Amino acid sequence: MEAKAIARFQRYSPSKVGQVLDLIRNKPVIKAFNILKFLPKASKTLVEKTLKSAVANLGRLKNQEGLIVKECFVNQGPALKRWRARAFGRAVMYKHRTCHLTIVVSDNK
């Protein structure tokens, strides 16, 4: 049986979230939570919340043995366009990146 959790329009760069997802892909859920617990990345909270939501959607929040992170990926969301003041009265546009995160959890059956 599979369960999926999606976090959309999150204010994290997709490339930085992808680095965290590479560490937990195809791992048991208990081991994935331990990896995220000691990881010094800011986006680990987003991944941890979404993984917990996927496990809860499966109905196995209390008993997580036998669950694996079957699939996890991140897609780029819309970028928020902002302006920064520069020299001689000019302005330069920069983008706040957003992402859509999807995690699929499955039992071994």
N, C-alpha and C. Protein backbone atom coordinates (compact mmCIF):
# COMPACT_ATOMS: atom_id res chain seq x y z
N MET A 1 0.84 -1.17 0.00
CA MET A 1 0.00 0.00 0.00
C MET A 1 0.89 1.25 0.00
N GLU A 2 0.43 2.27 -0.68
CA GLU A 2 1.21 3.50 -0.79
C GLU A 2 0.43 4.68 -0.27
N ALA A 3 1.16 5.68 0.19
CA ALA A 3 0.57 6.95 0.60
C ALA A 3 1.48 8.07 0.13
N LYS A 4 0.87 9.19 -0.21
CA LYS A 4 1.61 10.31 -0.78
C LYS A 4 1.30 11.58 -0.01
N ALA A 5 2.31 12.44 0.12
CA ALA A 5 2.13 13.77 0.72
C ALA A 5 2.81 14.78 -0.19
N ILE A 6 2.13 15.91 -0.41
CA ILE A 6 2.63 16.96 -1.29
C ILE A 6 2.66 18.27 -0.52
N ALA A 7 3.80 18.96 -0.58
CA ALA A 7 3.93 20.30 -0.01
C ALA A 7 4.18 21.25 -1.19
N ARG A 8 3.25 22.15 -1.41
CA ARG A 8 3.35 23.03 -2.57
C ARG A 8 3.63 24.47 -2.15
N PHE A 9 4.27 25.21 -3.05
CA PHE A 9 4.57 26.64 -2.90
C PHE A 9 5.40 26.91 -1.64
N GLN A 10 6.43 26.10 -1.41
CA GLN A 10 7.29 26.28 -0.25
C GLN A 10 8.44 27.21 -0.61
N ARG A 11 8.85 28.05 0.32
CA ARG A 11 9.86 29.07 0.06
C ARG A 11 11.28 28.53 0.25
N TYR A 12 11.60 27.47 -0.42
CA TYR A 12 12.94 26.89 -0.43
C TYR A 12 13.35 26.68 -1.87
N SER A 13 14.63 26.79 -2.14
CA SER A 13 15.14 26.55 -3.48
C SER A 13 15.05 25.05 -3.80
N PRO A 14 14.59 24.69 -4.99
CA PRO A 14 14.47 23.27 -5.33
C PRO A 14 15.79 22.52 -5.29
N SER A 15 16.88 23.19 -5.65
CA SER A 15 18.18 22.50 -5.64
C SER A 15 18.62 22.17 -4.23
N LYS A 16 18.32 23.04 -3.26
CA LYS A 16 18.72 22.79 -1.87
C LYS A 16 17.85 21.70 -1.24
N VAL A 17 16.58 21.65 -1.59
CA VAL A 17 15.70 20.58 -1.09
C VAL A 17 16.10 19.25 -1.72
N GLY A 18 16.52 19.29 -2.98
CA GLY A 18 16.94 18.07 -3.66
C GLY A 18 18.16 17.42 -3.03
N GLN A 19 19.06 18.22 -2.45
CA GLN A 19 20.22 17.66 -1.76
C GLN A 19 19.79 16.84 -0.56
N VAL A 20 18.76 17.29 0.15
CA VAL A 20 18.27 16.56 1.32
C VAL A 20 17.54 15.29 0.88
N LEU A 21 16.77 15.39 -0.20
CA LEU A 21 16.02 14.23 -0.68
C LEU A 21 16.93 13.11 -1.17
N ASP A 22 18.09 13.46 -1.71
CA ASP A 22 19.02 12.43 -2.18
C ASP A 22 19.52 11.55 -1.03
N LEU A 23 19.52 12.09 0.19
CA LEU A 23 20.01 11.32 1.33
C LEU A 23 18.99 10.32 1.87
N ILE A 24 17.69 10.57 1.64
CA ILE A 24 16.67 9.70 2.23
C ILE A 24 15.95 8.83 1.21
N ARG A 25 16.25 8.98 -0.06
CA ARG A 25 15.56 8.22 -1.11
C ARG A 25 15.86 6.72 -0.97
N ASN A 26 14.81 5.88 -1.05
CA ASN A 26 14.87 4.42 -0.97
C ASN A 26 15.42 3.90 0.36
N LYS A 27 15.24 4.66 1.42
CA LYS A 27 15.67 4.24 2.75
C LYS A 27 14.44 3.88 3.60
N PRO A 28 14.61 3.06 4.64
CA PRO A 28 13.50 2.85 5.58
C PRO A 28 13.13 4.16 6.28
N VAL A 29 11.86 4.29 6.63
CA VAL A 29 11.36 5.54 7.20
C VAL A 29 12.05 5.87 8.52
N ILE A 30 12.29 4.87 9.34
CA ILE A 30 12.94 5.11 10.64
C ILE A 30 14.35 5.65 10.42
N LYS A 31 15.08 5.08 9.47
CA LYS A 31 16.42 5.56 9.16
C LYS A 31 16.39 6.95 8.55
N ALA A 32 15.37 7.23 7.73
CA ALA A 32 15.24 8.56 7.12
C ALA A 32 15.02 9.63 8.18
N PHE A 33 14.18 9.34 9.19
CA PHE A 33 13.97 10.30 10.26
C PHE A 33 15.26 10.53 11.06
N ASN A 34 16.06 9.48 11.26
CA ASN A 34 17.33 9.65 11.97
C ASN A 34 18.32 10.48 11.16
N ILE A 35 18.34 10.30 9.85
CA ILE A 35 19.22 11.12 9.00
C ILE A 35 18.81 12.59 9.08
N LEU A 36 17.51 12.85 8.99
CA LEU A 36 17.02 14.23 9.02
C LEU A 36 17.24 14.89 10.38
N LYS A 37 17.25 14.09 11.42
CA LYS A 37 17.40 14.63 12.77
C LYS A 37 18.75 15.32 12.96
N PHE A 38 19.81 14.77 12.36
CA PHE A 38 21.16 15.29 12.57
C PHE A 38 21.72 16.04 11.36
N LEU A 39 20.88 16.39 10.42
CA LEU A 39 21.33 17.05 9.20
C LEU A 39 21.38 18.57 9.40
N PRO A 40 22.49 19.23 9.07
CA PRO A 40 22.60 20.69 9.28
C PRO A 40 22.11 21.50 8.08
N LYS A 41 20.94 21.22 7.57
CA LYS A 41 20.37 21.96 6.45
C LYS A 41 19.06 22.60 6.88
N ALA A 42 18.76 23.77 6.34
CA ALA A 42 17.53 24.48 6.72
C ALA A 42 16.29 23.80 6.16
N SER A 43 16.41 23.17 5.00
CA SER A 43 15.25 22.56 4.37
C SER A 43 14.87 21.21 4.96
N LYS A 44 15.60 20.75 5.98
CA LYS A 44 15.28 19.46 6.57
C LYS A 44 13.93 19.51 7.29
N THR A 45 13.52 20.67 7.80
CA THR A 45 12.23 20.76 8.49
C THR A 45 11.08 20.54 7.52
N LEU A 46 11.20 21.09 6.32
CA LEU A 46 10.17 20.89 5.30
C LEU A 46 10.07 19.42 4.92
N VAL A 47 11.21 18.78 4.70
CA VAL A 47 11.22 17.37 4.30
C VAL A 47 10.69 16.50 5.44
N GLU A 48 11.07 16.82 6.67
CA GLU A 48 10.63 16.04 7.82
C GLU A 48 9.11 16.13 8.01
N LYS A 49 8.56 17.33 7.88
CA LYS A 49 7.11 17.50 8.01
C LYS A 49 6.35 16.76 6.91
N THR A 50 6.85 16.83 5.70
CA THR A 50 6.17 16.17 4.59
C THR A 50 6.27 14.65 4.71
N LEU A 51 7.42 14.15 5.16
CA LEU A 51 7.58 12.71 5.37
C LEU A 51 6.66 12.22 6.49
N LYS A 52 6.53 13.01 7.54
CA LYS A 52 5.63 12.64 8.63
C LYS A 52 4.18 12.63 8.16
N SER A 53 3.83 13.57 7.28
CA SER A 53 2.49 13.62 6.74
C SER A 53 2.20 12.41 5.85
N ALA A 54 3.19 11.98 5.07
CA ALA A 54 3.00 10.81 4.21
C ALA A 54 2.80 9.55 5.04
N VAL A 55 3.55 9.43 6.14
CA VAL A 55 3.40 8.27 7.02
C VAL A 55 2.03 8.30 7.69
N ALA A 56 1.57 9.48 8.07
CA ALA A 56 0.26 9.62 8.70
C ALA A 56 -0.85 9.32 7.69
N ASN A 57 -0.66 9.67 6.43
CA ASN A 57 -1.65 9.34 5.40
C ASN A 57 -1.78 7.84 5.19
N LEU A 58 -0.71 7.11 5.47
CA LEU A 58 -0.75 5.65 5.38
C LEU A 58 -1.40 5.05 6.62
N GLY A 59 -1.50 5.83 7.69
CA GLY A 59 -2.13 5.36 8.91
C GLY A 59 -1.20 4.58 9.82
N ARG A 60 0.11 4.78 9.66
CA ARG A 60 1.08 4.01 10.42
C ARG A 60 2.01 4.95 11.20
N LEU A 61 1.47 6.01 11.79
CA LEU A 61 2.30 6.98 12.49
C LEU A 61 2.93 6.39 13.74
N LYS A 62 2.24 5.49 14.42
CA LYS A 62 2.77 4.89 15.65
C LYS A 62 3.74 3.75 15.35
N ASN A 63 3.44 2.95 14.35
CA ASN A 63 4.26 1.78 14.03
C ASN A 63 4.85 1.97 12.63
N GLN A 64 6.11 2.40 12.57
CA GLN A 64 6.73 2.73 11.29
C GLN A 64 7.63 1.63 10.75
N GLU A 65 7.64 0.46 11.37
CA GLU A 65 8.50 -0.61 10.89
C GLU A 65 7.97 -1.16 9.57
N GLY A 66 8.90 -1.43 8.68
CA GLY A 66 8.53 -2.00 7.38
C GLY A 66 8.16 -0.96 6.33
N LEU A 67 8.20 0.32 6.66
CA LEU A 67 7.89 1.37 5.68
C LEU A 67 9.18 1.87 5.04
N ILE A 68 9.11 2.15 3.75
CA ILE A 68 10.25 2.73 3.04
C ILE A 68 9.82 3.98 2.29
N VAL A 69 10.78 4.85 2.05
CA VAL A 69 10.55 6.04 1.22
C VAL A 69 10.71 5.57 -0.23
N LYS A 70 9.59 5.27 -0.86
CA LYS A 70 9.63 4.69 -2.19
C LYS A 70 10.04 5.71 -3.25
N GLU A 71 9.52 6.90 -3.12
CA GLU A 71 9.75 7.92 -4.15
C GLU A 71 9.73 9.28 -3.48
N CYS A 72 10.67 10.14 -3.85
CA CYS A 72 10.65 11.52 -3.37
C CYS A 72 11.31 12.41 -4.43
N PHE A 73 10.63 13.48 -4.75
CA PHE A 73 11.17 14.39 -5.75
C PHE A 73 10.67 15.81 -5.49
N VAL A 74 11.37 16.75 -6.09
CA VAL A 74 11.03 18.16 -5.93
C VAL A 74 10.96 18.80 -7.31
N ASN A 75 9.96 19.63 -7.50
CA ASN A 75 9.79 20.38 -8.75
C ASN A 75 9.84 21.86 -8.45
N GLN A 76 10.14 22.62 -9.47
CA GLN A 76 10.24 24.06 -9.29
C GLN A 76 8.86 24.69 -9.33
N GLY A 77 8.61 25.61 -8.38
CA GLY A 77 7.37 26.35 -8.34
C GLY A 77 7.58 27.73 -8.95
N PRO A 78 6.59 28.60 -8.82
CA PRO A 78 6.75 29.95 -9.36
C PRO A 78 7.75 30.75 -8.55
N ALA A 79 8.51 31.59 -9.22
CA ALA A 79 9.51 32.42 -8.55
C ALA A 79 8.90 33.78 -8.21
N LEU A 80 9.15 34.24 -7.00
CA LEU A 80 8.69 35.57 -6.59
C LEU A 80 9.72 36.59 -7.04
N LYS A 81 9.31 37.54 -7.84
CA LYS A 81 10.25 38.52 -8.40
C LYS A 81 10.31 39.75 -7.50
N ARG A 82 11.51 40.10 -7.08
CA ARG A 82 11.74 41.25 -6.20
C ARG A 82 12.81 42.14 -6.80
N TRP A 83 12.89 43.39 -6.30
CA TRP A 83 13.84 44.36 -6.83
C TRP A 83 14.78 44.82 -5.74
N ARG A 84 16.04 45.01 -6.08
CA ARG A 84 17.06 45.48 -5.16
C ARG A 84 17.68 46.76 -5.73
N ALA A 85 17.88 47.75 -4.87
CA ALA A 85 18.48 49.01 -5.30
C ALA A 85 19.96 48.84 -5.58
N ARG A 86 20.42 49.47 -6.66
CA ARG A 86 21.82 49.42 -7.05
C ARG A 86 22.36 50.83 -7.24
N ALA A 87 23.57 50.94 -7.69
CA ALA A 87 24.22 52.24 -7.83
C ALA A 87 23.59 53.07 -8.95
N PHE A 88 23.72 54.38 -8.84
CA PHE A 88 23.25 55.35 -9.82
C PHE A 88 21.75 55.27 -10.06
N GLY A 89 20.97 54.92 -9.06
CA GLY A 89 19.53 54.92 -9.16
C GLY A 89 18.93 53.76 -9.94
N ARG A 90 19.73 52.76 -10.19
CA ARG A 90 19.23 51.61 -10.94
C ARG A 90 18.62 50.58 -10.00
N ALA A 91 17.94 49.61 -10.57
CA ALA A 91 17.39 48.50 -9.81
C ALA A 91 17.68 47.20 -10.54
N VAL A 92 17.88 46.14 -9.76
CA VAL A 92 18.17 44.83 -10.32
C VAL A 92 17.14 43.84 -9.78
N MET A 93 16.59 43.02 -10.66
CA MET A 93 15.61 42.04 -10.24
C MET A 93 16.31 40.78 -9.74
N TYR A 94 15.79 40.21 -8.65
CA TYR A 94 16.23 38.90 -8.19
C TYR A 94 15.00 38.07 -7.87
N LYS A 95 15.18 36.77 -7.80
CA LYS A 95 14.04 35.86 -7.65
C LYS A 95 14.15 35.06 -6.36
N HIS A 96 13.03 34.98 -5.64
CA HIS A 96 12.90 34.05 -4.52
C HIS A 96 12.30 32.77 -5.10
N ARG A 97 13.06 31.70 -5.08
CA ARG A 97 12.60 30.45 -5.67
C ARG A 97 11.62 29.74 -4.73
N THR A 98 10.67 29.03 -5.32
CA THR A 98 9.75 28.19 -4.55
C THR A 98 9.79 26.78 -5.13
N CYS A 99 9.25 25.83 -4.37
CA CYS A 99 9.29 24.45 -4.84
C CYS A 99 8.03 23.71 -4.45
N HIS A 100 7.79 22.60 -5.15
CA HIS A 100 6.72 21.66 -4.84
C HIS A 100 7.40 20.33 -4.49
N LEU A 101 7.15 19.83 -3.29
CA LEU A 101 7.79 18.62 -2.79
C LEU A 101 6.78 17.48 -2.72
N THR A 102 7.16 16.30 -3.22
CA THR A 102 6.29 15.12 -3.18
C THR A 102 7.08 13.95 -2.59
N ILE A 103 6.47 13.28 -1.60
CA ILE A 103 7.07 12.10 -0.98
C ILE A 103 6.05 10.97 -1.00
N VAL A 104 6.47 9.80 -1.48
CA VAL A 104 5.62 8.61 -1.51
C VAL A 104 6.23 7.57 -0.58
N VAL A 105 5.42 7.09 0.35
CA VAL A 105 5.85 6.09 1.33
C VAL A 105 5.09 4.80 1.06
N SER A 106 5.78 3.67 1.16
CA SER A 106 5.16 2.38 0.88
C SER A 106 5.63 1.35 1.90
N ASP A 107 4.77 0.35 2.14
CA ASP A 107 5.22 -0.79 2.92
C ASP A 107 5.79 -1.82 1.96
N ASN A 108 6.47 -2.80 2.48
CA ASN A 108 7.19 -3.76 1.64
C ASN A 108 6.29 -4.76 0.94
N LYS A 109 5.01 -4.75 1.21
CA LYS A 109 4.11 -5.75 0.64
C LYS A 109 3.83 -5.49 -0.82
